[in-house]
Protein backbone atom coordinates (compact mmCIF):
# COMPACT_ATOMS: atom_id res chain seq x y z
CA MET A 1 0.00 0.00 0.00
CA LYS A 2 1.16 3.50 -0.81
CA LEU A 3 -0.11 6.90 0.24
CA TYR A 4 -1.67 9.12 -2.40
CA TYR A 5 -2.37 12.80 -1.81
CA PRO A 6 -5.26 14.32 -3.78
CA CYS A 7 -4.52 17.74 -5.26
CA ILE A 8 -7.91 19.39 -5.74
CA ASP A 9 -8.56 22.34 -8.01
CA PRO A 10 -10.89 24.61 -5.98
CA ASP A 11 -12.13 26.44 -9.10
CA HIS A 12 -13.47 23.23 -10.66
CA ALA A 13 -14.14 21.17 -7.51
CA GLY A 14 -17.24 19.46 -8.87
CA GLN A 15 -16.21 19.06 -12.51
CA LYS A 16 -12.58 17.89 -12.44
CA LEU A 17 -11.05 14.92 -10.67
CA PRO A 18 -8.04 15.61 -8.45
CA VAL A 19 -4.47 14.78 -9.35
CA MET A 20 -3.29 11.89 -7.16
CA VAL A 21 0.35 12.28 -6.06
CA CYS A 22 1.99 9.04 -4.87
CA GLN A 23 4.47 9.18 -2.01
CA GLY A 24 7.67 7.32 -2.76
CA PHE A 25 10.83 7.12 -4.81
CA SER A 26 10.55 7.84 -8.55
CA TRP A 27 12.63 5.55 -10.72
CA ARG A 28 11.64 7.49 -13.82
CA VAL A 29 13.17 10.69 -12.44
CA LEU A 30 16.28 8.79 -11.29
CA LEU A 31 16.91 7.48 -14.80
CA PHE A 32 15.81 10.46 -16.90
CA GLY A 33 16.25 13.41 -14.52
CA TRP A 34 14.34 16.50 -15.46
CA LEU A 35 12.64 14.70 -18.37
CA GLY A 36 11.01 12.42 -15.78
CA LEU A 37 9.70 15.50 -13.99
CA LEU A 38 8.24 16.70 -17.30
CA PHE A 39 6.46 13.37 -17.66
CA HIS A 40 4.97 13.79 -14.16
CA GLY A 41 3.65 17.22 -15.15
CA ALA A 42 5.99 19.30 -12.99
CA TRP A 43 6.95 21.82 -15.68
CA ILE A 44 8.43 24.54 -13.48
CA ALA A 45 10.61 22.17 -11.46
CA ALA A 46 11.67 20.33 -14.63
CA LEU A 47 12.83 23.55 -16.28
CA LEU A 48 14.70 24.59 -13.13
CA ALA A 49 16.38 21.17 -12.95
CA ALA A 50 17.26 21.37 -16.67
CA ALA A 51 18.87 24.76 -16.11
CA GLY A 52 20.81 23.34 -13.15
CA THR A 53 21.97 20.38 -15.22
CA ILE A 54 23.18 22.64 -18.02
CA LEU A 55 24.97 24.92 -15.57
CA LEU A 56 26.67 21.96 -13.91
CA GLY A 57 27.80 20.69 -17.30
CA VAL A 58 29.20 24.06 -18.33
CA LEU A 59 30.70 25.40 -15.10
CA ILE A 60 32.29 22.30 -13.54
CA PRO A 61 35.59 21.26 -15.18
CA GLY A 62 36.63 17.67 -15.77
CA ASN A 63 34.44 14.68 -15.09
CA TRP A 64 33.04 15.96 -11.80
CA HIS A 65 29.94 17.28 -13.50
CA PHE A 66 28.78 13.69 -14.14
CA VAL A 67 28.98 12.94 -10.42
CA LEU A 68 27.07 16.11 -9.54
CA ILE A 69 24.40 15.43 -12.18
CA ALA A 70 23.96 11.89 -10.80
CA ALA A 71 23.59 13.37 -7.30
CA LEU A 72 21.01 15.81 -8.68
CA HIS A 73 19.05 12.92 -10.21
CA VAL A 74 19.07 11.00 -6.92
CA THR A 75 17.92 14.08 -5.01
CA LEU A 76 15.15 14.85 -7.50
CA SER A 77 13.92 11.25 -7.48
CA ALA A 78 13.82 11.13 -3.68
CA PHE A 79 11.83 14.36 -3.45
CA THR A 80 9.58 13.94 -6.51
CA PRO A 81 6.29 13.80 -4.50
CA GLU A 82 7.14 16.98 -2.63
CA ILE A 83 8.17 18.69 -5.87
CA ARG A 84 4.89 17.67 -7.55
CA MET A 85 2.79 18.88 -4.59
CA TRP A 86 4.73 22.17 -4.53
CA GLU A 87 3.95 22.64 -8.22
CA GLN A 88 0.27 21.81 -7.64
CA ARG A 89 0.15 24.45 -4.87
CA ILE A 90 1.68 27.00 -7.26
CA ASN A 91 -1.08 26.15 -9.76
CA GLY A 92 -3.73 26.92 -7.13
CA HIS A 93 -4.62 23.38 -6.04
CA ARG A 94 -5.16 22.45 -2.42
CA ILE A 95 -3.74 19.26 -0.95
CA GLY A 96 -6.24 16.87 0.65
CA GLN A 97 -5.90 14.14 3.25
CA PRO A 98 -3.80 11.12 2.18
CA VAL A 99 -5.49 7.99 0.87
CA ALA A 100 -3.94 4.53 1.22
CA ALA A 101 -4.24 2.39 -1.90
CA THR A 102 -2.31 0.10 -4.21
CA SER A 103 -2.84 2.11 -7.43
CA PRO A 104 -3.80 5.66 -8.43
CA ALA A 105 -7.18 4.46 -9.73
CA GLN A 106 -8.00 2.73 -6.46
CA ALA A 107 -6.87 5.81 -4.53
CA LEU A 108 -9.14 7.99 -6.63
CA MET A 109 -12.09 5.64 -6.01
CA ARG A 110 -11.44 5.65 -2.27
CA TRP A 111 -11.19 9.43 -2.28
CA LEU A 112 -14.47 9.72 -4.19
CA ASP A 113 -16.17 7.37 -1.71
CA HIS A 114 -15.37 9.74 1.15
CA GLN A 115 -16.69 12.88 -0.58
CA LYS A 116 -20.02 14.33 0.44
CA PRO A 117 -22.42 15.25 -2.36
CA THR A 118 -22.41 19.00 -2.95
CA ALA A 119 -25.82 19.27 -4.57
CA THR A 120 -29.09 17.78 -3.40
CA PRO A 121 -30.63 15.30 -5.80
CA PRO A 122 -33.71 16.51 -7.65
CA GLU A 123 -37.06 15.58 -6.22
CA LEU A 124 -38.95 12.99 -8.15
CA PRO A 125 -42.62 13.65 -8.95
CA CYS A 126 -45.09 11.81 -6.76
CA ALA A 127 -46.81 9.00 -8.62
CA SER A 128 -50.00 8.75 -6.63
CA LEU A 129 -53.20 7.73 -8.37
């Protein structure tokens, strides 16, 4: 079981489903670095990491820049959930209570089960004869 945090858009609370952010290590970001962050939808953090990678490659002489880029990838992959939630907060989303589940779809279903209906159902006409 993993913990998933729902990131809810308050402007479209009834129309859009939340983004479920999984807590844990990201192998995709470890292998691909900032491109993995782009895949997760963290555009701002990905562009900042890309700029850092380019600066490390240009400013550090010798082969030390490979070691520092590998350390950057490990750091980004360890903190990917926090980076994604930070980006969601920047976009105006609010972070909900964590949901324990084995997959994002199951976490979304569990989150939807705990939501209260916002609108009252329409009254049905009385069928008395």
